[in-house]
Amino acid sequence: MGNALTDILAVLQDDTLLRQFHLPKGSMQHVDMQTGDRIWQVLRQTGVQYVAGGSAANTVAGTAIFGMPSGFIGKVGDDELGHLFKSDQEQYGIRSMLLKGVNPSGRAMVFITAPNAERTFAVYLGAALELVPEDLRPEFFEGYDYFHIEGYLVQNQNLVRRAVELAKAAGCTVSLDMASYNVVESNEAFLHDIVEHYVDIVFANETEARSFTRLGPREALDEIARHCSIAVVKVGKDGSMVKSGDEYHYIEAWPADTIDATGAGDTYAAGFLYAHSLGMPLRVCGEAGSIIAAKVVEVIGTKIDIPRWKEAKNEIRALFAANRAGQQAVN
C-alpha cells in the first residue's frame, strides 16, 4: 500500500532549480497544487520522463516481475495520470485496488542532480492523500503473505495503523520502508510505536536510520533490530547491513555504473522480500536486494529494462543455487 504517484523525472546540471523552489537537496517535500504547477511549468521546458511510481508501487512491481503474486492499494484521480498508473501496474500483472479520489492524481517531481545522481522530490499527493482508513477492507489483505508499506503514508497515521492491524489479522509479515529522513523526523513517535508493535522487517537508509535512532548506521541497525524481526540499513555505494536477533551480515554493493539512484531502495526491498519468501538465509536476502538495486541505478527512473532484468534474474538464480549447494555440502 502506498501513494499512487506518477514520477516526472528531470536530470539537472546544477542545484539552481532546487534553490529557486527552496527544496533541500536529497529531501522529499510536499507541495500544494499551486506550487506543484509552478514547478511543472519550469520542468516541462527541461525535457522530462513520465514513469508510474511511488515507493511501495515500485517495490511491488519488482516482486511481481520476480513472479510473486502481488497487489497494490492506492487512490488516483479520474484523469490521464491515474489511467497511466493503472495500466502500468496491469502490464506487470499487479492486482490493483485503485480507488477513485476527487482531486487530480498524485505526482512526484524528481530532480536528479550531479555529481552523485542524488534525488530530490517535490511531491503533490493529490488523490493519493484521500486514501482513508474507511477505504480499507479485510479482504484486501486476504491471501497474501507479506504486506509492504511506505513511510510516506504516515501523514495519515490512522490509515497506517488500520492497515497494519488488518495485515496482521490476515497473517501477513509486515515490512516498512522508512522513505525519507524528514518523514521520520516528523513522525518519530508514531513510527517507533508502529515498528514496536506491528512491523516485522524495517528498511532504512543511513539518514533515515539516524533520524529514527540518533545513531550512526551500525549502531542504528542494532537499535532497530531490537524492535523488529529484521532490520536493514542501506549505506548507498557502501552496501547494506542486515540483522536479525544476534545474526549480522554486511552486504557489499553489487557493481554498477550509477547514473540515477531513484528507486534503488524500493527495488532492494523487492529483491530482499522475494528471497525471504523462498526461505533464503538473511545474508542471501540482502545480496538479492543488492543485485537488483544495482540494475535500477544504471537507468534513469525506476523502470529496469529487459536485458538488465534478465541479467539480475540469472545472477539471483546463481546466488540461490550456490546457497543450496553450500547447505547440501554442510549437511
C-alpha atoms as a PDB file:
ATOM      1  CA  MET A   1       0.000   0.000   0.000  1.00  0.00           C
ATOM      2  CA  GLY A   2       1.336   3.414  -0.889  1.00  0.00           C
ATOM      3  CA  ASN A   3       0.893   6.721  -2.613  1.00  0.00           C
ATOM      4  CA  ALA A   4      -0.114   6.119  -6.234  1.00  0.00           C
ATOM      5  CA  LEU A   5       2.122   8.650  -7.932  1.00  0.00           C
ATOM      6  CA  THR A   6       3.470   9.274 -11.398  1.00  0.00           C
ATOM      7  CA  ASP A   7       7.145  10.230 -11.322  1.00  0.00           C
ATOM      8  CA  ILE A   8       8.114  13.167 -13.508  1.00  0.00           C
ATOM      9  CA  LEU A   9      11.880  12.861 -13.888  1.00  0.00           C
ATOM     10  CA  ALA A  10      14.225  15.744 -14.706  1.00  0.00           C
ATOM     11  CA  VAL A  11      18.006  15.483 -14.895  1.00  0.00           C
ATOM     12  CA  LEU A  12      19.578  18.823 -13.839  1.00  0.00           C
ATOM     13  CA  GLN A  13      23.079  20.142 -14.399  1.00  0.00           C
ATOM     14  CA  ASP A  14      23.204  22.054 -11.108  1.00  0.00           C
ATOM     15  CA  ASP A  15      21.174  22.992  -7.998  1.00  0.00           C
ATOM     16  CA  THR A  16      19.685  26.242  -9.360  1.00  0.00           C
ATOM     17  CA  LEU A  17      16.141  24.896  -9.612  1.00  0.00           C
ATOM     18  CA  LEU A  18      16.350  23.378  -6.136  1.00  0.00           C
ATOM     19  CA  ARG A  19      17.302  26.752  -4.686  1.00  0.00           C
ATOM     20  CA  GLN A  20      14.620  28.522  -6.702  1.00  0.00           C
ATOM     21  CA  PHE A  21      11.879  26.395  -5.164  1.00  0.00           C
ATOM     22  CA  HIS A  22      13.505  26.067  -1.705  1.00  0.00           C
ATOM     23  CA  LEU A  23      13.946  22.304  -1.955  1.00  0.00           C
ATOM     24  CA  PRO A  24      16.748  20.928   0.298  1.00  0.00           C
ATOM     25  CA  LYS A  25      18.946  18.623  -1.749  1.00  0.00           C
ATOM     26  CA  GLY A  26      18.159  14.964  -1.086  1.00  0.00           C
ATOM     27  CA  SER A  27      14.861  15.680   0.676  1.00  0.00           C
ATOM     28  CA  MET A  28      11.241  14.861  -0.056  1.00  0.00           C
ATOM     29  CA  GLN A  29       8.994  17.928   0.208  1.00  0.00           C
ATOM     30  CA  HIS A  30       5.217  18.006  -0.087  1.00  0.00           C
ATOM     31  CA  VAL A  31       3.895  20.870  -2.199  1.00  0.00           C
ATOM     32  CA  ASP A  32       0.398  22.213  -2.775  1.00  0.00           C
ATOM     33  CA  MET A  33      -1.266  22.243  -6.169  1.00  0.00           C
ATOM     34  CA  GLN A  34      -0.181  25.825  -6.989  1.00  0.00           C
ATOM     35  CA  THR A  35       3.486  25.184  -6.163  1.00  0.00           C
ATOM     36  CA  GLY A  36       3.372  21.872  -7.987  1.00  0.00           C
ATOM     37  CA  ASP A  37       2.016  23.584 -11.106  1.00  0.00           C
ATOM     38  CA  ARG A  38       4.715  26.281 -10.954  1.00  0.00           C
ATOM     39  CA  ILE A  39       7.456  23.654 -10.701  1.00  0.00           C
ATOM     40  CA  TRP A  40       5.854  21.677 -13.511  1.00  0.00           C
ATOM     41  CA  GLN A  41       5.778  24.736 -15.811  1.00  0.00           C
ATOM     42  CA  VAL A  42       9.538  25.125 -15.359  1.00  0.00           C
ATOM     43  CA  LEU A  43      10.313  21.397 -15.570  1.00  0.00           C
ATOM     44  CA  ARG A  44       8.421  20.761 -18.789  1.00  0.00           C
ATOM     45  CA  GLN A  45      10.862  23.085 -20.577  1.00  0.00           C
ATOM     46  CA  THR A  46      13.846  20.963 -19.500  1.00  0.00           C
ATOM     47  CA  GLY A  47      12.681  17.663 -21.015  1.00  0.00           C
ATOM     48  CA  VAL A  48      11.210  15.094 -18.659  1.00  0.00           C
ATOM     49  CA  GLN A  49      10.198  11.440 -18.439  1.00  0.00           C
ATOM     50  CA  TYR A  50       6.880  10.146 -17.080  1.00  0.00           C
ATOM     51  CA  VAL A  51       7.056   6.907 -15.079  1.00  0.00           C
ATOM     52  CA  ALA A  52       4.370   5.367 -12.867  1.00  0.00           C
ATOM     53  CA  GLY A  53       5.976   5.334  -9.455  1.00  0.00           C
ATOM     54  CA  GLY A  54       5.583   5.729  -5.721  1.00  0.00           C
ATOM     55  CA  SER A  55       7.821   3.838  -3.316  1.00  0.00           C
ATOM     56  CA  ALA A  56       5.608   0.860  -2.466  1.00  0.00           C
ATOM     57  CA  ALA A  57       4.362   0.625  -6.067  1.00  0.00           C
ATOM     58  CA  ASN A  58       7.970   0.384  -7.259  1.00  0.00           C
ATOM     59  CA  THR A  59       8.633  -2.407  -4.777  1.00  0.00           C
ATOM     60  CA  VAL A  60       5.519  -4.367  -5.712  1.00  0.00           C
ATOM     61  CA  ALA A  61       6.346  -4.017  -9.424  1.00  0.00           C
ATOM     62  CA  GLY A  62       9.650  -5.721  -8.617  1.00  0.00           C
ATOM     63  CA  THR A  63       8.036  -8.535  -6.636  1.00  0.00           C
ATOM     64  CA  ALA A  64       5.557  -9.092  -9.484  1.00  0.00           C
ATOM     65  CA  ILE A  65       8.361  -9.332 -12.063  1.00  0.00           C
ATOM     66  CA  PHE A  66      10.112 -11.848  -9.813  1.00  0.00           C
ATOM     67  CA  GLY A  67       6.942 -13.947 -10.034  1.00  0.00           C
ATOM     68  CA  MET A  68       5.329 -13.248  -6.666  1.00  0.00           C
ATOM     69  CA  PRO A  69       1.535 -12.749  -6.945  1.00  0.00           C
ATOM     70  CA  SER A  70       1.298  -9.084  -5.989  1.00  0.00           C
ATOM     71  CA  GLY A  71      -1.378  -6.481  -5.295  1.00  0.00           C
ATOM     72  CA  PHE A  72      -1.449  -2.762  -4.587  1.00  0.00           C
ATOM     73  CA  ILE A  73      -3.798  -0.492  -2.635  1.00  0.00           C
ATOM     74  CA  GLY A  74      -3.908   3.204  -3.527  1.00  0.00           C
ATOM     75  CA  LYS A  75      -6.064   6.083  -4.734  1.00  0.00           C
ATOM     76  CA  VAL A  76      -5.891   8.044  -8.001  1.00  0.00           C
ATOM     77  CA  GLY A  77      -7.897  10.733  -9.771  1.00  0.00           C
ATOM     78  CA  ASP A  78     -10.123  10.107 -12.763  1.00  0.00           C
ATOM     79  CA  ASP A  79      -7.560  11.523 -15.162  1.00  0.00           C
ATOM     80  CA  GLU A  80      -4.741  10.689 -17.581  1.00  0.00           C
ATOM     81  CA  LEU A  81      -2.122  10.136 -14.889  1.00  0.00           C
ATOM     82  CA  GLY A  82      -4.480   7.822 -12.996  1.00  0.00           C
ATOM     83  CA  HIS A  83      -5.091   5.746 -16.121  1.00  0.00           C
ATOM     84  CA  LEU A  84      -1.339   5.660 -16.821  1.00  0.00           C
ATOM     85  CA  PHE A  85      -0.675   4.396 -13.314  1.00  0.00           C
ATOM     86  CA  LYS A  86      -3.290   1.629 -13.573  1.00  0.00           C
ATOM     87  CA  SER A  87      -2.163   0.413 -16.997  1.00  0.00           C
ATOM     88  CA  ASP A  88       1.454   0.377 -15.843  1.00  0.00           C
ATOM     89  CA  GLN A  89       0.577  -1.897 -12.942  1.00  0.00           C
ATOM     90  CA  GLU A  90      -1.569  -4.147 -15.116  1.00  0.00           C
ATOM     91  CA  GLN A  91       1.295  -4.794 -17.538  1.00  0.00           C
ATOM     92  CA  TYR A  92       3.276  -6.294 -14.632  1.00  0.00           C
ATOM     93  CA  GLY A  93       0.342  -8.459 -13.564  1.00  0.00           C
ATOM     94  CA  ILE A  94      -0.272  -6.498 -10.372  1.00  0.00           C
ATOM     95  CA  ARG A  95      -3.751  -6.807  -8.929  1.00  0.00           C
ATOM     96  CA  SER A  96      -4.508  -3.112  -8.453  1.00  0.00           C
ATOM     97  CA  MET A  97      -7.066  -1.969  -5.912  1.00  0.00           C
ATOM     98  CA  LEU A  98      -7.079   1.645  -7.101  1.00  0.00           C
ATOM     99  CA  LEU A  99      -9.851   3.671  -5.542  1.00  0.00           C
ATOM    100  CA  LYS A 100     -11.003   6.935  -7.179  1.00  0.00           C
ATOM    101  CA  GLY A 101     -10.434  10.274  -5.472  1.00  0.00           C
ATOM    102  CA  VAL A 102     -11.810  13.772  -6.049  1.00  0.00           C
ATOM    103  CA  ASN A 103      -8.502  15.579  -6.670  1.00  0.00           C
ATOM    104  CA  PRO A 104      -6.115  15.019  -9.608  1.00  0.00           C
ATOM    105  CA  SER A 105      -3.777  12.021  -9.438  1.00  0.00           C
ATOM    106  CA  GLY A 106      -0.614  12.496  -7.415  1.00  0.00           C
ATOM    107  CA  ARG A 107       2.744  13.227  -8.999  1.00  0.00           C
ATOM    108  CA  ALA A 108       6.311  13.186  -7.761  1.00  0.00           C
ATOM    109  CA  MET A 109       8.614  15.641  -9.499  1.00  0.00           C
ATOM    110  CA  VAL A 110      12.066  14.119  -9.213  1.00  0.00           C
ATOM    111  CA  PHE A 111      15.166  16.275  -9.605  1.00  0.00           C
ATOM    112  CA  ILE A 112      18.303  14.243 -10.357  1.00  0.00           C
ATOM    113  CA  THR A 113      21.453  16.278  -9.718  1.00  0.00           C
ATOM    114  CA  ALA A 114      25.208  15.901 -10.186  1.00  0.00           C
ATOM    115  CA  PRO A 115      27.687  14.685  -9.120  1.00  0.00           C
ATOM    116  CA  ASN A 116      26.178  11.629  -7.399  1.00  0.00           C
ATOM    117  CA  ALA A 117      22.793  11.363  -9.120  1.00  0.00           C
ATOM    118  CA  GLU A 118      21.154  12.476  -5.893  1.00  0.00           C
ATOM    119  CA  ARG A 119      17.362  12.649  -5.858  1.00  0.00           C
ATOM    120  CA  THR A 120      15.223  15.492  -4.547  1.00  0.00           C
ATOM    121  CA  PHE A 121      11.446  15.154  -4.580  1.00  0.00           C
ATOM    122  CA  ALA A 122       8.691  17.750  -4.805  1.00  0.00           C
ATOM    123  CA  VAL A 123       5.501  15.778  -4.322  1.00  0.00           C
ATOM    124  CA  TYR A 124       1.911  16.797  -4.949  1.00  0.00           C
ATOM    125  CA  LEU A 125      -0.097  13.965  -3.446  1.00  0.00           C
ATOM    126  CA  GLY A 126      -3.492  14.919  -4.856  1.00  0.00           C
ATOM    127  CA  ALA A 127      -5.926  11.997  -4.803  1.00  0.00           C
ATOM    128  CA  ALA A 128      -3.362   9.745  -3.101  1.00  0.00           C
ATOM    129  CA  LEU A 129      -3.855  11.819   0.051  1.00  0.00           C
ATOM    130  CA  GLU A 130      -7.554  10.960   0.065  1.00  0.00           C
ATOM    131  CA  LEU A 131      -6.960   7.306   0.995  1.00  0.00           C
ATOM    132  CA  VAL A 132      -8.556   6.913   4.443  1.00  0.00           C
ATOM    133  CA  PRO A 133      -8.945   4.070   6.992  1.00  0.00           C
ATOM    134  CA  GLU A 134     -12.570   3.550   5.964  1.00  0.00           C
ATOM    135  CA  ASP A 135     -11.413   2.629   2.443  1.00  0.00           C
ATOM    136  CA  LEU A 136      -9.608  -0.471   3.710  1.00  0.00           C
ATOM    137  CA  ARG A 137     -11.366  -3.835   3.889  1.00  0.00           C
ATOM    138  CA  PRO A 138     -10.133  -7.127   5.379  1.00  0.00           C
ATOM    139  CA  GLU A 139     -10.500  -8.880   2.011  1.00  0.00           C
ATOM    140  CA  PHE A 140      -7.828  -6.572   0.532  1.00  0.00           C
ATOM    141  CA  PHE A 141      -5.266  -8.405   2.670  1.00  0.00           C
ATOM    142  CA  GLU A 142      -6.506 -11.979   2.412  1.00  0.00           C
ATOM    143  CA  GLY A 143      -4.363 -14.483   0.522  1.00  0.00           C
ATOM    144  CA  TYR A 144      -1.124 -12.507   0.828  1.00  0.00           C
ATOM    145  CA  ASP A 145       1.935 -13.485   2.862  1.00  0.00           C
ATOM    146  CA  TYR A 146       3.517 -10.025   3.002  1.00  0.00           C
ATOM    147  CA  PHE A 147       2.218  -6.502   3.445  1.00  0.00           C
ATOM    148  CA  HIS A 148       4.676  -3.793   2.400  1.00  0.00           C
ATOM    149  CA  ILE A 149       4.025  -0.176   3.284  1.00  0.00           C
ATOM    150  CA  GLU A 150       5.920   3.030   2.598  1.00  0.00           C
ATOM    151  CA  GLY A 151       6.741   5.568   5.274  1.00  0.00           C
ATOM    152  CA  TYR A 152       5.428   8.353   3.049  1.00  0.00           C
ATOM    153  CA  LEU A 153       1.905   7.343   4.138  1.00  0.00           C
ATOM    154  CA  VAL A 154       2.439   8.325   7.762  1.00  0.00           C
ATOM    155  CA  GLN A 155       0.942  11.754   7.148  1.00  0.00           C
ATOM    156  CA  ASN A 156      -2.256   9.759   7.795  1.00  0.00           C
ATOM    157  CA  GLN A 157      -1.407   7.861  10.962  1.00  0.00           C
ATOM    158  CA  ASN A 158      -4.884   6.391  11.381  1.00  0.00           C
ATOM    159  CA  LEU A 159      -4.674   4.920   7.874  1.00  0.00           C
ATOM    160  CA  VAL A 160      -1.319   3.276   8.578  1.00  0.00           C
ATOM    161  CA  ARG A 161      -2.481   1.871  11.899  1.00  0.00           C
ATOM    162  CA  ARG A 162      -5.661   0.441  10.372  1.00  0.00           C
ATOM    163  CA  ALA A 163      -3.645  -1.094   7.519  1.00  0.00           C
ATOM    164  CA  VAL A 164      -1.096  -2.854   9.710  1.00  0.00           C
ATOM    165  CA  GLU A 165      -3.854  -4.086  12.036  1.00  0.00           C
ATOM    166  CA  LEU A 166      -5.716  -5.662   9.084  1.00  0.00           C
ATOM    167  CA  ALA A 167      -2.461  -7.077   7.672  1.00  0.00           C
ATOM    168  CA  LYS A 168      -1.578  -8.719  10.971  1.00  0.00           C
ATOM    169  CA  ALA A 169      -5.107 -10.097  11.320  1.00  0.00           C
ATOM    170  CA  ALA A 170      -4.665 -11.676   7.856  1.00  0.00           C
ATOM    171  CA  GLY A 171      -1.406 -13.305   8.976  1.00  0.00           C
ATOM    172  CA  CYS A 172       0.893 -11.121   6.867  1.00  0.00           C
ATOM    173  CA  THR A 173       4.555 -10.408   7.515  1.00  0.00           C
ATOM    174  CA  VAL A 174       4.653  -6.594   7.622  1.00  0.00           C
ATOM    175  CA  SER A 175       7.559  -4.693   6.064  1.00  0.00           C
ATOM    176  CA  LEU A 176       8.088  -0.941   6.248  1.00  0.00           C
ATOM    177  CA  ASP A 177      10.285   1.302   4.123  1.00  0.00           C
ATOM    178  CA  MET A 178      11.005   4.437   6.152  1.00  0.00           C
ATOM    179  CA  ALA A 179      11.028   6.509   2.958  1.00  0.00           C
ATOM    180  CA  SER A 180      12.803   9.773   3.867  1.00  0.00           C
ATOM    181  CA  TYR A 181      14.712  11.284   6.786  1.00  0.00           C
ATOM    182  CA  ASN A 182      12.325  14.240   7.091  1.00  0.00           C
ATOM    183  CA  VAL A 183       9.318  11.886   7.116  1.00  0.00           C
ATOM    184  CA  VAL A 184      10.945  10.037  10.022  1.00  0.00           C
ATOM    185  CA  GLU A 185      11.743  13.270  11.880  1.00  0.00           C
ATOM    186  CA  SER A 186       8.146  14.495  11.570  1.00  0.00           C
ATOM    187  CA  ASN A 187       6.566  11.222  12.713  1.00  0.00           C
ATOM    188  CA  GLU A 188       9.198   9.743  15.014  1.00  0.00           C
ATOM    189  CA  ALA A 189       6.985   8.754  17.958  1.00  0.00           C
ATOM    190  CA  PHE A 190       4.353   7.175  15.707  1.00  0.00           C
ATOM    191  CA  LEU A 191       6.919   5.217  13.701  1.00  0.00           C
ATOM    192  CA  HIS A 192       8.533   3.898  16.878  1.00  0.00           C
ATOM    193  CA  ASP A 193       5.133   2.684  18.065  1.00  0.00           C
ATOM    194  CA  ILE A 194       4.274   1.003  14.734  1.00  0.00           C
ATOM    195  CA  VAL A 195       7.673  -0.692  14.453  1.00  0.00           C
ATOM    196  CA  GLU A 196       7.480  -1.914  18.041  1.00  0.00           C
ATOM    197  CA  HIS A 197       4.013  -3.431  17.747  1.00  0.00           C
ATOM    198  CA  TYR A 198       3.348  -4.352  14.103  1.00  0.00           C
ATOM    199  CA  VAL A 199       6.373  -4.299  11.800  1.00  0.00           C
ATOM    200  CA  ASP A 200       8.495  -7.401  11.135  1.00  0.00           C
ATOM    201  CA  ILE A 201      11.002  -6.017   8.584  1.00  0.00           C
ATOM    202  CA  VAL A 202      12.324  -2.443   8.523  1.00  0.00           C
ATOM    203  CA  PHE A 203      14.170  -0.952   5.533  1.00  0.00           C
ATOM    204  CA  ALA A 204      16.017   2.322   6.141  1.00  0.00           C
ATOM    205  CA  ASN A 205      18.910   4.196   4.593  1.00  0.00           C
ATOM    206  CA  GLU A 206      21.568   5.720   6.821  1.00  0.00           C
ATOM    207  CA  THR A 207      19.939   9.160   7.107  1.00  0.00           C
ATOM    208  CA  GLU A 208      16.548   7.631   7.934  1.00  0.00           C
ATOM    209  CA  ALA A 209      18.171   5.277  10.441  1.00  0.00           C
ATOM    210  CA  ARG A 210      19.959   8.227  12.078  1.00  0.00           C
ATOM    211  CA  SER A 211      16.711  10.205  12.314  1.00  0.00           C
ATOM    212  CA  PHE A 212      14.978   7.192  13.864  1.00  0.00           C
ATOM    213  CA  THR A 213      17.686   6.325  16.404  1.00  0.00           C
ATOM    214  CA  ARG A 214      20.085   9.325  16.671  1.00  0.00           C
ATOM    215  CA  LEU A 215      22.882   6.826  15.970  1.00  0.00           C
ATOM    216  CA  GLY A 216      25.379   6.024  13.213  1.00  0.00           C
ATOM    217  CA  PRO A 217      24.489   3.298  10.685  1.00  0.00           C
ATOM    218  CA  ARG A 218      25.927   0.273  12.513  1.00  0.00           C
ATOM    219  CA  GLU A 219      24.580   1.239  15.933  1.00  0.00           C
ATOM    220  CA  ALA A 220      21.257   2.259  14.364  1.00  0.00           C
ATOM    221  CA  LEU A 221      20.956  -1.206  12.835  1.00  0.00           C
ATOM    222  CA  ASP A 222      21.387  -2.770  16.283  1.00  0.00           C
ATOM    223  CA  GLU A 223      18.791  -0.447  17.795  1.00  0.00           C
ATOM    224  CA  ILE A 224      16.192  -1.032  15.069  1.00  0.00           C
ATOM    225  CA  ALA A 225      16.755  -4.803  15.267  1.00  0.00           C
ATOM    226  CA  ARG A 226      15.828  -4.681  18.954  1.00  0.00           C
ATOM    227  CA  HIS A 227      12.286  -3.679  17.991  1.00  0.00           C
ATOM    228  CA  CYS A 228      11.518  -5.891  14.962  1.00  0.00           C
ATOM    229  CA  SER A 229      12.439  -9.274  13.495  1.00  0.00           C
ATOM    230  CA  ILE A 230      14.727  -7.999  10.718  1.00  0.00           C
ATOM    231  CA  ALA A 231      16.463  -4.643  10.324  1.00  0.00           C
ATOM    232  CA  VAL A 232      18.078  -3.455   7.084  1.00  0.00           C
ATOM    233  CA  VAL A 233      20.188  -0.302   6.863  1.00  0.00           C
ATOM    234  CA  LYS A 234      21.363   0.691   3.385  1.00  0.00           C
ATOM    235  CA  VAL A 235      24.506   2.811   3.029  1.00  0.00           C
ATOM    236  CA  GLY A 236      24.433   3.612  -0.696  1.00  0.00           C
ATOM    237  CA  LYS A 237      27.555   2.710  -2.646  1.00  0.00           C
ATOM    238  CA  ASP A 238      28.983   1.202   0.547  1.00  0.00           C
ATOM    239  CA  GLY A 239      26.355  -1.546   0.501  1.00  0.00           C
ATOM    240  CA  SER A 240      23.958  -2.525   3.263  1.00  0.00           C
ATOM    241  CA  MET A 241      23.766  -4.194   6.640  1.00  0.00           C
ATOM    242  CA  VAL A 242      21.161  -6.695   7.806  1.00  0.00           C
ATOM    243  CA  LYS A 243      20.446  -8.004  11.277  1.00  0.00           C
ATOM    244  CA  SER A 244      18.016 -10.416  12.902  1.00  0.00           C
ATOM    245  CA  GLY A 245      18.476 -11.186  16.584  1.00  0.00           C
ATOM    246  CA  ASP A 246      22.195 -11.821  17.018  1.00  0.00           C
ATOM    247  CA  GLU A 247      22.745 -12.584  13.320  1.00  0.00           C
ATOM    248  CA  TYR A 248      24.514  -9.783  11.426  1.00  0.00           C
ATOM    249  CA  HIS A 249      25.760  -9.501   7.850  1.00  0.00           C
ATOM    250  CA  TYR A 250      27.446  -6.747   5.886  1.00  0.00           C
ATOM    251  CA  ILE A 251      26.400  -6.887   2.232  1.00  0.00           C
ATOM    252  CA  GLU A 252      28.666  -5.310  -0.353  1.00  0.00           C
ATOM    253  CA  ALA A 253      27.073  -3.174  -3.051  1.00  0.00           C
ATOM    254  CA  TRP A 254      26.785  -5.054  -6.339  1.00  0.00           C
ATOM    255  CA  PRO A 255      28.911  -3.421  -9.091  1.00  0.00           C
ATOM    256  CA  ALA A 256      27.045  -0.807 -11.114  1.00  0.00           C
ATOM    257  CA  ASP A 257      27.600   2.204 -13.367  1.00  0.00           C
ATOM    258  CA  THR A 258      25.391   4.583 -11.413  1.00  0.00           C
ATOM    259  CA  ILE A 259      23.591   7.366 -13.253  1.00  0.00           C
ATOM    260  CA  ASP A 260      20.409   7.754 -11.134  1.00  0.00           C
ATOM    261  CA  ALA A 261      19.757   6.427  -7.635  1.00  0.00           C
ATOM    262  CA  THR A 262      15.954   6.775  -7.968  1.00  0.00           C
ATOM    263  CA  GLY A 263      14.208   3.588  -6.860  1.00  0.00           C
ATOM    264  CA  ALA A 264      17.318   1.818  -5.544  1.00  0.00           C
ATOM    265  CA  GLY A 265      15.852   1.316  -2.086  1.00  0.00           C
ATOM    266  CA  ASP A 266      12.472   0.272  -3.491  1.00  0.00           C
ATOM    267  CA  THR A 267      13.965  -2.420  -5.724  1.00  0.00           C
ATOM    268  CA  TYR A 268      16.336  -3.563  -2.963  1.00  0.00           C
ATOM    269  CA  ALA A 269      13.230  -4.270  -0.861  1.00  0.00           C
ATOM    270  CA  ALA A 270      11.694  -6.246  -3.751  1.00  0.00           C
ATOM    271  CA  GLY A 271      14.763  -8.476  -4.072  1.00  0.00           C
ATOM    272  CA  PHE A 272      15.019  -8.930  -0.324  1.00  0.00           C
ATOM    273  CA  LEU A 273      11.342  -9.885   0.078  1.00  0.00           C
ATOM    274  CA  TYR A 274      11.493 -12.255  -2.894  1.00  0.00           C
ATOM    275  CA  ALA A 275      14.441 -14.128  -1.393  1.00  0.00           C
ATOM    276  CA  HIS A 276      12.812 -14.080   2.040  1.00  0.00           C
ATOM    277  CA  SER A 277       9.613 -15.577   0.615  1.00  0.00           C
ATOM    278  CA  LEU A 278      11.675 -18.530  -0.635  1.00  0.00           C
ATOM    279  CA  GLY A 279      13.155 -19.121   2.817  1.00  0.00           C
ATOM    280  CA  MET A 280      16.622 -17.903   1.886  1.00  0.00           C
ATOM    281  CA  PRO A 281      19.081 -17.047   4.677  1.00  0.00           C
ATOM    282  CA  LEU A 282      19.347 -13.438   5.830  1.00  0.00           C
ATOM    283  CA  ARG A 283      22.646 -12.829   4.028  1.00  0.00           C
ATOM    284  CA  VAL A 284      21.238 -14.138   0.733  1.00  0.00           C
ATOM    285  CA  CYS A 285      18.166 -11.904   1.086  1.00  0.00           C
ATOM    286  CA  GLY A 286      20.441  -8.885   1.398  1.00  0.00           C
ATOM    287  CA  GLU A 287      22.533  -9.980  -1.568  1.00  0.00           C
ATOM    288  CA  ALA A 288      19.425 -10.437  -3.737  1.00  0.00           C
ATOM    289  CA  GLY A 289      18.387  -6.902  -2.814  1.00  0.00           C
ATOM    290  CA  SER A 290      21.845  -5.598  -3.673  1.00  0.00           C
ATOM    291  CA  ILE A 291      21.835  -7.303  -7.090  1.00  0.00           C
ATOM    292  CA  ILE A 292      18.557  -5.807  -8.246  1.00  0.00           C
ATOM    293  CA  ALA A 293      19.289  -2.363  -6.753  1.00  0.00           C
ATOM    294  CA  ALA A 294      22.470  -2.274  -8.854  1.00  0.00           C
ATOM    295  CA  LYS A 295      20.391  -2.620 -12.017  1.00  0.00           C
ATOM    296  CA  VAL A 296      17.989   0.251 -11.352  1.00  0.00           C
ATOM    297  CA  VAL A 297      20.752   2.783 -10.638  1.00  0.00           C
ATOM    298  CA  GLU A 298      22.050   2.200 -14.181  1.00  0.00           C
ATOM    299  CA  VAL A 299      18.887   3.648 -15.741  1.00  0.00           C
ATOM    300  CA  ILE A 300      17.057   6.963 -15.416  1.00  0.00           C
ATOM    301  CA  GLY A 301      13.984   6.411 -13.257  1.00  0.00           C
ATOM    302  CA  THR A 302      12.666   3.293 -11.580  1.00  0.00           C
ATOM    303  CA  LYS A 303      11.964   1.004 -14.555  1.00  0.00           C
ATOM    304  CA  ILE A 304      14.704  -1.542 -15.257  1.00  0.00           C
ATOM    305  CA  ASP A 305      14.994  -2.575 -18.899  1.00  0.00           C
ATOM    306  CA  ILE A 306      14.506  -6.180 -20.039  1.00  0.00           C
ATOM    307  CA  PRO A 307      18.206  -7.052 -20.552  1.00  0.00           C
ATOM    308  CA  ARG A 308      19.049  -5.871 -17.029  1.00  0.00           C
ATOM    309  CA  TRP A 309      16.106  -7.785 -15.586  1.00  0.00           C
ATOM    310  CA  LYS A 310      17.287 -10.960 -17.306  1.00  0.00           C
ATOM    311  CA  GLU A 311      20.806 -10.388 -16.002  1.00  0.00           C
ATOM    312  CA  ALA A 312      19.523  -9.789 -12.467  1.00  0.00           C
ATOM    313  CA  LYS A 313      17.361 -12.915 -12.511  1.00  0.00           C
ATOM    314  CA  ASN A 314      20.302 -15.003 -13.714  1.00  0.00           C
ATOM    315  CA  GLU A 315      22.584 -13.581 -11.033  1.00  0.00           C
ATOM    316  CA  ILE A 316      19.998 -14.156  -8.320  1.00  0.00           C
ATOM    317  CA  ARG A 317      19.334 -17.716  -9.532  1.00  0.00           C
ATOM    318  CA  ALA A 318      23.078 -18.372  -9.345  1.00  0.00           C
ATOM    319  CA  LEU A 319      23.144 -16.880  -5.842  1.00  0.00           C
ATOM    320  CA  PHE A 320      20.322 -19.156  -4.700  1.00  0.00           C
ATOM    321  CA  ALA A 321      21.920 -22.213  -6.318  1.00  0.00           C
ATOM    322  CA  ALA A 322      25.245 -21.512  -4.622  1.00  0.00           C
ATOM    323  CA  ASN A 323      23.463 -21.191  -1.292  1.00  0.00           C
ATOM    324  CA  ARG A 324      21.655 -24.518  -1.763  1.00  0.00           C
ATOM    325  CA  ALA A 325      24.890 -26.222  -2.796  1.00  0.00           C
ATOM    326  CA  GLY A 326      26.606 -24.845   0.268  1.00  0.00           C
ATOM    327  CA  GLN A 327      23.840 -26.104   2.516  1.00  0.00           C
ATOM    328  CA  GLN A 328      23.984 -29.576   0.953  1.00  0.00           C
ATOM    329  CA  ALA A 329      27.749 -29.675   1.416  1.00  0.00           C
ATOM    330  CA  VAL A 330      27.328 -28.856   5.108  1.00  0.00           C
ATOM    331  CA  ASN A 331      24.623 -31.470   5.513  1.00  0.00           C
END
